[in-house]
Amino acid sequence: MVKYLVNVDFTDKDTYEQVPKGTELDITEARAKEIISSLGEGALTNLEEVKEEVKEVAPAPIPAEEKKETKEVE
C-alpha cells in the first residue's frame, strides 16, 4: 500500500463514497493507476515520492558553532 494525496474531488467507483480534495489515501499502486487513468495525471500525488524529493532538496542543518546571533534593532 502506498499513500497518495487526492488533488480533485471524485466518487469512488467501488464504494460510491465522495472523496474530497486533500484526502490522504492508502491504496495499491494498481488502484492509483486506475484513478489516474480515469481522472487525469494530476489527480493523485504520491506522498512517498514527495518525501524523497524533499529529503534530496532540503539544506543540511547549520552546526551550532556556525550559527550567527541576531540582534534586535529598535
C-alpha atoms as a PDB file:
ATOM      1  CA  MET A   1       0.000   0.000   0.000  1.00  0.00           C
ATOM      2  CA  VAL A   2       1.154   3.491  -0.863  1.00  0.00           C
ATOM      3  CA  LYS A   3      -0.021   6.859   0.469  1.00  0.00           C
ATOM      4  CA  TYR A   4      -1.457   9.312  -2.057  1.00  0.00           C
ATOM      5  CA  LEU A   5      -2.878  12.811  -1.712  1.00  0.00           C
ATOM      6  CA  VAL A   6      -6.106  13.431  -3.641  1.00  0.00           C
ATOM      7  CA  ASN A   7      -5.931  16.588  -5.784  1.00  0.00           C
ATOM      8  CA  VAL A   8      -9.525  16.543  -7.118  1.00  0.00           C
ATOM      9  CA  ASP A   9     -12.934  15.650  -5.681  1.00  0.00           C
ATOM     10  CA  PHE A  10     -14.267  12.351  -7.027  1.00  0.00           C
ATOM     11  CA  THR A  11     -16.662   9.491  -6.272  1.00  0.00           C
ATOM     12  CA  ASP A  12     -15.009   6.117  -5.682  1.00  0.00           C
ATOM     13  CA  LYS A  13     -16.317   3.592  -8.217  1.00  0.00           C
ATOM     14  CA  ASP A  14     -16.097   0.679  -5.769  1.00  0.00           C
ATOM     15  CA  THR A  15     -17.689   2.237  -2.676  1.00  0.00           C
ATOM     16  CA  TYR A  16     -19.608   5.182  -4.224  1.00  0.00           C
ATOM     17  CA  GLU A  17     -18.168   7.380  -1.471  1.00  0.00           C
ATOM     18  CA  GLN A  18     -17.274  11.008  -2.147  1.00  0.00           C
ATOM     19  CA  VAL A  19     -13.516  11.503  -1.820  1.00  0.00           C
ATOM     20  CA  PRO A  20     -12.778  15.187  -1.218  1.00  0.00           C
ATOM     21  CA  LYS A  21      -9.687  17.010  -2.429  1.00  0.00           C
ATOM     22  CA  GLY A  22      -6.952  16.925   0.230  1.00  0.00           C
ATOM     23  CA  THR A  23      -7.741  13.408   1.443  1.00  0.00           C
ATOM     24  CA  GLU A  24      -4.838  11.021   2.055  1.00  0.00           C
ATOM     25  CA  LEU A  25      -5.485   7.548   0.647  1.00  0.00           C
ATOM     26  CA  ASP A  26      -3.564   4.386   1.473  1.00  0.00           C
ATOM     27  CA  ILE A  27      -4.105   2.392  -1.743  1.00  0.00           C
ATOM     28  CA  THR A  28      -2.286  -0.013  -4.020  1.00  0.00           C
ATOM     29  CA  GLU A  29      -0.314   1.254  -6.989  1.00  0.00           C
ATOM     30  CA  ALA A  30      -2.738  -0.593  -9.295  1.00  0.00           C
ATOM     31  CA  ARG A  31      -5.710   1.292  -7.811  1.00  0.00           C
ATOM     32  CA  ALA A  32      -3.808   4.570  -8.074  1.00  0.00           C
ATOM     33  CA  LYS A  33      -3.148   3.888 -11.762  1.00  0.00           C
ATOM     34  CA  GLU A  34      -6.891   3.259 -12.285  1.00  0.00           C
ATOM     35  CA  ILE A  35      -7.777   6.568 -10.644  1.00  0.00           C
ATOM     36  CA  ILE A  36      -5.118   8.479 -12.591  1.00  0.00           C
ATOM     37  CA  SER A  37      -6.194   6.925 -15.894  1.00  0.00           C
ATOM     38  CA  SER A  38      -9.779   7.911 -15.182  1.00  0.00           C
ATOM     39  CA  LEU A  39      -9.294  11.386 -13.673  1.00  0.00           C
ATOM     40  CA  GLY A  40      -6.038  12.539 -15.242  1.00  0.00           C
ATOM     41  CA  GLU A  41      -2.349  12.768 -14.436  1.00  0.00           C
ATOM     42  CA  GLY A  42      -2.688  15.351 -11.644  1.00  0.00           C
ATOM     43  CA  ALA A  43      -5.466  13.560  -9.740  1.00  0.00           C
ATOM     44  CA  LEU A  44      -3.134  11.986  -7.169  1.00  0.00           C
ATOM     45  CA  THR A  45       0.223  12.839  -5.640  1.00  0.00           C
ATOM     46  CA  ASN A  46       2.404  10.022  -4.323  1.00  0.00           C
ATOM     47  CA  LEU A  47       3.337  11.229  -0.829  1.00  0.00           C
ATOM     48  CA  GLU A  48       6.271   8.829  -0.531  1.00  0.00           C
ATOM     49  CA  GLU A  49       7.871  10.280  -3.680  1.00  0.00           C
ATOM     50  CA  VAL A  50       7.322  13.814  -2.374  1.00  0.00           C
ATOM     51  CA  LYS A  51       9.051  12.928   0.910  1.00  0.00           C
ATOM     52  CA  GLU A  52      12.065  11.592  -1.006  1.00  0.00           C
ATOM     53  CA  GLU A  53      12.247  14.764  -3.136  1.00  0.00           C
ATOM     54  CA  VAL A  54      12.119  16.945  -0.015  1.00  0.00           C
ATOM     55  CA  LYS A  55      14.965  14.959   1.557  1.00  0.00           C
ATOM     56  CA  GLU A  56      17.089  15.487  -1.550  1.00  0.00           C
ATOM     57  CA  VAL A  57      16.376  19.226  -1.754  1.00  0.00           C
ATOM     58  CA  ALA A  58      16.426  20.130   1.948  1.00  0.00           C
ATOM     59  CA  PRO A  59      19.554  22.028   3.011  1.00  0.00           C
ATOM     60  CA  ALA A  60      21.838  20.488   5.581  1.00  0.00           C
ATOM     61  CA  PRO A  61      21.404  21.842   9.106  1.00  0.00           C
ATOM     62  CA  ILE A  62      23.889  24.504  10.211  1.00  0.00           C
ATOM     63  CA  PRO A  63      26.153  23.369  13.048  1.00  0.00           C
ATOM     64  CA  ALA A  64      25.612  25.290  16.288  1.00  0.00           C
ATOM     65  CA  GLU A  65      29.040  26.963  16.212  1.00  0.00           C
ATOM     66  CA  GLU A  66      28.390  28.439  12.759  1.00  0.00           C
ATOM     67  CA  LYS A  67      25.027  29.987  13.650  1.00  0.00           C
ATOM     68  CA  LYS A  68      25.195  33.744  13.950  1.00  0.00           C
ATOM     69  CA  GLU A  69      23.343  35.518  16.683  1.00  0.00           C
ATOM     70  CA  THR A  70      20.894  38.161  15.572  1.00  0.00           C
ATOM     71  CA  LYS A  71      20.268  41.380  17.429  1.00  0.00           C
ATOM     72  CA  GLU A  72      17.015  43.260  17.508  1.00  0.00           C
ATOM     73  CA  VAL A  73      17.192  46.799  16.165  1.00  0.00           C
ATOM     74  CA  GLU A  74      14.929  49.435  17.671  1.00  0.00           C
END
